[in-house]
Amino acid sequence: MIAKQLSIFLENKSGRLTEVTEVLGQAGINLSALSIADNSDFGILRCIVSDPEKGYKVLKEAHFAVKITDVIGFTCPNTPGSLAVVLKCLSEAGVFIEYMYSFSNGDGANVVIRPSDLKRCDEILQSMKVDLLAANDLYKL
């Protein structure tokens, strides 16, 4: 299922991540998952939050460069090789994964991916009977 993710561009300087989490927290927005990628000049904080539209609004008001991106969330067994099976099917179908982050939770692993073709990816995952996470469920993790 397709969900909304916030992508926030941050200068690489102390305190910027704290500022983002404070703005979200003060607005009553919970972080469900996050990933940070950086280079020497800036970082990209990608996060799943409890209310993406409100999160976008409060971050914009606080002068952060932020955008909303569509992603797909799913759960797979937390066992060796289970993610590889899913990724192999997507790869063989020509779906490129731009980025991914995941976190395990007991017997399952929750995965968030940004595929090159959202619709095709969703179709493939459904045909594989992968346990897709509804957007509202992903926002509550």
C-alpha atoms as a PDB file:
ATOM      1  CA  MET A   1       0.000   0.000   0.000  1.00  0.00           C
ATOM      2  CA  ILE A   2       1.194   3.473  -0.758  1.00  0.00           C
ATOM      3  CA  ALA A   3       1.969   5.748   2.183  1.00  0.00           C
ATOM      4  CA  LYS A   4       3.309   9.274   2.577  1.00  0.00           C
ATOM      5  CA  GLN A   5       6.813   9.936   3.838  1.00  0.00           C
ATOM      6  CA  LEU A   6       8.409  13.254   4.746  1.00  0.00           C
ATOM      7  CA  SER A   7      11.810  14.030   3.235  1.00  0.00           C
ATOM      8  CA  ILE A   8      13.533  16.855   5.084  1.00  0.00           C
ATOM      9  CA  PHE A   9      16.740  18.439   3.820  1.00  0.00           C
ATOM     10  CA  LEU A  10      19.102  19.416   6.631  1.00  0.00           C
ATOM     11  CA  GLU A  11      22.406  21.226   6.762  1.00  0.00           C
ATOM     12  CA  ASN A  12      25.110  19.105   8.346  1.00  0.00           C
ATOM     13  CA  LYS A  13      25.372  21.009  11.592  1.00  0.00           C
ATOM     14  CA  SER A  14      24.754  20.174  15.197  1.00  0.00           C
ATOM     15  CA  GLY A  15      21.198  20.583  16.430  1.00  0.00           C
ATOM     16  CA  ARG A  16      19.289  20.408  13.138  1.00  0.00           C
ATOM     17  CA  LEU A  17      17.883  16.933  13.810  1.00  0.00           C
ATOM     18  CA  THR A  18      16.904  18.074  17.298  1.00  0.00           C
ATOM     19  CA  GLU A  19      15.043  21.039  15.801  1.00  0.00           C
ATOM     20  CA  VAL A  20      13.031  18.771  13.484  1.00  0.00           C
ATOM     21  CA  THR A  21      12.059  16.414  16.288  1.00  0.00           C
ATOM     22  CA  GLU A  22      11.102  19.338  18.521  1.00  0.00           C
ATOM     23  CA  VAL A  23       8.876  20.908  15.847  1.00  0.00           C
ATOM     24  CA  LEU A  24       7.137  17.592  15.222  1.00  0.00           C
ATOM     25  CA  GLY A  25       6.822  16.803  18.923  1.00  0.00           C
ATOM     26  CA  GLN A  26       5.375  20.205  19.782  1.00  0.00           C
ATOM     27  CA  ALA A  27       2.756  19.664  17.057  1.00  0.00           C
ATOM     28  CA  GLY A  28       1.804  16.294  18.563  1.00  0.00           C
ATOM     29  CA  ILE A  29       3.224  14.344  15.627  1.00  0.00           C
ATOM     30  CA  ASN A  30       4.833  11.003  16.383  1.00  0.00           C
ATOM     31  CA  LEU A  31       7.763   9.514  14.449  1.00  0.00           C
ATOM     32  CA  SER A  32       7.141   5.894  13.419  1.00  0.00           C
ATOM     33  CA  ALA A  33      10.331   5.312  11.423  1.00  0.00           C
ATOM     34  CA  LEU A  34      13.226   7.337  10.114  1.00  0.00           C
ATOM     35  CA  SER A  35      16.393   7.149   8.098  1.00  0.00           C
ATOM     36  CA  ILE A  36      19.160   9.675   7.580  1.00  0.00           C
ATOM     37  CA  ALA A  37      21.419   9.820   4.525  1.00  0.00           C
ATOM     38  CA  ASP A  38      24.103  12.439   4.319  1.00  0.00           C
ATOM     39  CA  ASN A  39      27.008  13.783   2.363  1.00  0.00           C
ATOM     40  CA  SER A  40      29.527  16.442   3.332  1.00  0.00           C
ATOM     41  CA  ASP A  41      27.130  19.384   2.920  1.00  0.00           C
ATOM     42  CA  PHE A  42      23.628  18.202   3.811  1.00  0.00           C
ATOM     43  CA  GLY A  43      21.543  15.293   4.957  1.00  0.00           C
ATOM     44  CA  ILE A  44      18.153  13.934   4.038  1.00  0.00           C
ATOM     45  CA  LEU A  45      15.952  12.834   6.880  1.00  0.00           C
ATOM     46  CA  ARG A  46      13.266  10.491   5.596  1.00  0.00           C
ATOM     47  CA  CYS A  47      10.543   9.705   8.077  1.00  0.00           C
ATOM     48  CA  ILE A  48       7.150   8.156   8.524  1.00  0.00           C
ATOM     49  CA  VAL A  49       5.043  10.241  10.893  1.00  0.00           C
ATOM     50  CA  SER A  50       1.589   9.933  12.437  1.00  0.00           C
ATOM     51  CA  ASP A  51       0.179  12.814  10.348  1.00  0.00           C
ATOM     52  CA  PRO A  52       2.223  13.526   7.190  1.00  0.00           C
ATOM     53  CA  GLU A  53       0.149  16.511   6.008  1.00  0.00           C
ATOM     54  CA  LYS A  54       0.336  18.257   9.374  1.00  0.00           C
ATOM     55  CA  GLY A  55       4.032  17.363   9.664  1.00  0.00           C
ATOM     56  CA  TYR A  56       4.685  18.929   6.281  1.00  0.00           C
ATOM     57  CA  LYS A  57       2.816  22.080   7.274  1.00  0.00           C
ATOM     58  CA  VAL A  58       4.559  22.626  10.621  1.00  0.00           C
ATOM     59  CA  LEU A  59       8.004  21.932   9.170  1.00  0.00           C
ATOM     60  CA  LYS A  60       7.389  24.370   6.290  1.00  0.00           C
ATOM     61  CA  GLU A  61       6.241  26.984   8.819  1.00  0.00           C
ATOM     62  CA  ALA A  62       9.501  26.392  10.721  1.00  0.00           C
ATOM     63  CA  HIS A  63      11.410  27.069   7.453  1.00  0.00           C
ATOM     64  CA  PHE A  64      12.576  23.522   6.754  1.00  0.00           C
ATOM     65  CA  ALA A  65      12.943  22.311   3.168  1.00  0.00           C
ATOM     66  CA  VAL A  66      10.511  19.400   3.203  1.00  0.00           C
ATOM     67  CA  LYS A  67       8.549  17.403   0.672  1.00  0.00           C
ATOM     68  CA  ILE A  68       6.091  14.549   0.762  1.00  0.00           C
ATOM     69  CA  THR A  69       7.113  11.383  -1.065  1.00  0.00           C
ATOM     70  CA  ASP A  70       5.087   8.249  -1.805  1.00  0.00           C
ATOM     71  CA  VAL A  71       6.549   5.016  -0.454  1.00  0.00           C
ATOM     72  CA  ILE A  72       5.384   1.447   0.074  1.00  0.00           C
ATOM     73  CA  GLY A  73       5.447  -0.334   3.414  1.00  0.00           C
ATOM     74  CA  PHE A  74       5.308  -4.072   3.976  1.00  0.00           C
ATOM     75  CA  THR A  75       6.133  -6.715   6.523  1.00  0.00           C
ATOM     76  CA  CYS A  76       8.127  -9.836   5.861  1.00  0.00           C
ATOM     77  CA  PRO A  77       9.275 -12.613   8.180  1.00  0.00           C
ATOM     78  CA  ASN A  78      12.279 -11.720  10.303  1.00  0.00           C
ATOM     79  CA  THR A  79      14.235 -14.685   8.986  1.00  0.00           C
ATOM     80  CA  PRO A  80      17.370 -14.960   6.857  1.00  0.00           C
ATOM     81  CA  GLY A  81      16.655 -14.520   3.159  1.00  0.00           C
ATOM     82  CA  SER A  82      12.992 -13.479   3.356  1.00  0.00           C
ATOM     83  CA  LEU A  83      13.692  -9.912   2.223  1.00  0.00           C
ATOM     84  CA  ALA A  84      15.910 -11.227  -0.577  1.00  0.00           C
ATOM     85  CA  VAL A  85      12.959 -13.203  -2.001  1.00  0.00           C
ATOM     86  CA  VAL A  86      10.828 -10.048  -2.224  1.00  0.00           C
ATOM     87  CA  LEU A  87      13.618  -7.885  -3.635  1.00  0.00           C
ATOM     88  CA  LYS A  88      14.538 -10.528  -6.227  1.00  0.00           C
ATOM     89  CA  CYS A  89      10.973 -10.598  -7.578  1.00  0.00           C
ATOM     90  CA  LEU A  90      10.933  -6.810  -7.830  1.00  0.00           C
ATOM     91  CA  SER A  91      14.346  -6.756  -9.481  1.00  0.00           C
ATOM     92  CA  GLU A  92      13.390  -9.417 -12.009  1.00  0.00           C
ATOM     93  CA  ALA A  93      10.319  -7.330 -12.897  1.00  0.00           C
ATOM     94  CA  GLY A  94      12.521  -4.311 -13.542  1.00  0.00           C
ATOM     95  CA  VAL A  95      11.458  -2.372 -10.437  1.00  0.00           C
ATOM     96  CA  PHE A  96      14.423  -0.393  -9.137  1.00  0.00           C
ATOM     97  CA  ILE A  97      14.537   0.418  -5.426  1.00  0.00           C
ATOM     98  CA  GLU A  98      15.762   4.006  -5.006  1.00  0.00           C
ATOM     99  CA  TYR A  99      16.134   3.563  -1.249  1.00  0.00           C
ATOM    100  CA  MET A 100      14.875   1.432   1.595  1.00  0.00           C
ATOM    101  CA  TYR A 101      14.873   1.318   5.349  1.00  0.00           C
ATOM    102  CA  SER A 102      13.570  -1.311   7.716  1.00  0.00           C
ATOM    103  CA  PHE A 103      13.250  -2.292  11.339  1.00  0.00           C
ATOM    104  CA  SER A 104      12.532  -5.655  12.892  1.00  0.00           C
ATOM    105  CA  ASN A 105       9.871  -6.218  15.493  1.00  0.00           C
ATOM    106  CA  GLY A 106       9.877  -9.737  16.900  1.00  0.00           C
ATOM    107  CA  ASP A 107       9.008 -12.267  14.211  1.00  0.00           C
ATOM    108  CA  GLY A 108       8.416  -9.637  11.523  1.00  0.00           C
ATOM    109  CA  ALA A 109      10.458  -6.973   9.804  1.00  0.00           C
ATOM    110  CA  ASN A 110       8.767  -3.773   8.644  1.00  0.00           C
ATOM    111  CA  VAL A 111      10.193  -2.413   5.410  1.00  0.00           C
ATOM    112  CA  VAL A 112       9.709   0.960   3.710  1.00  0.00           C
ATOM    113  CA  ILE A 113      10.787   1.244   0.069  1.00  0.00           C
ATOM    114  CA  ARG A 114      10.807   3.939  -2.568  1.00  0.00           C
ATOM    115  CA  PRO A 115      10.513   2.049  -5.868  1.00  0.00           C
ATOM    116  CA  SER A 116      11.001   3.522  -9.320  1.00  0.00           C
ATOM    117  CA  ASP A 117       7.462   2.442 -10.265  1.00  0.00           C
ATOM    118  CA  LEU A 118       5.026   2.590  -7.340  1.00  0.00           C
ATOM    119  CA  LYS A 119       2.063   1.088  -9.164  1.00  0.00           C
ATOM    120  CA  ARG A 120       4.011  -1.827 -10.638  1.00  0.00           C
ATOM    121  CA  CYS A 121       5.724  -2.492  -7.314  1.00  0.00           C
ATOM    122  CA  ASP A 122       2.378  -2.540  -5.493  1.00  0.00           C
ATOM    123  CA  GLU A 123       0.939  -4.943  -8.076  1.00  0.00           C
ATOM    124  CA  ILE A 124       3.908  -7.306  -7.766  1.00  0.00           C
ATOM    125  CA  LEU A 125       3.847  -7.296  -3.977  1.00  0.00           C
ATOM    126  CA  GLN A 126       0.111  -8.006  -3.977  1.00  0.00           C
ATOM    127  CA  SER A 127       0.537 -10.871  -6.451  1.00  0.00           C
ATOM    128  CA  MET A 128       3.249 -12.305  -4.167  1.00  0.00           C
ATOM    129  CA  LYS A 129       0.839 -12.052  -1.227  1.00  0.00           C
ATOM    130  CA  VAL A 130       3.340  -9.885   0.654  1.00  0.00           C
ATOM    131  CA  ASP A 131       1.847  -8.441   3.841  1.00  0.00           C
ATOM    132  CA  LEU A 132       1.458  -4.798   2.741  1.00  0.00           C
ATOM    133  CA  LEU A 133       1.111  -2.182   5.454  1.00  0.00           C
ATOM    134  CA  ALA A 134      -1.823   0.183   5.064  1.00  0.00           C
ATOM    135  CA  ALA A 135      -0.755   3.815   5.328  1.00  0.00           C
ATOM    136  CA  ASN A 136      -2.664   4.318   8.586  1.00  0.00           C
ATOM    137  CA  ASP A 137      -1.020   1.242  10.119  1.00  0.00           C
ATOM    138  CA  LEU A 138       2.424   2.421   9.049  1.00  0.00           C
ATOM    139  CA  TYR A 139       1.815   5.849  10.598  1.00  0.00           C
ATOM    140  CA  LYS A 140       0.998   4.154  13.942  1.00  0.00           C
ATOM    141  CA  LEU A 141       3.990   1.802  14.235  1.00  0.00           C
END
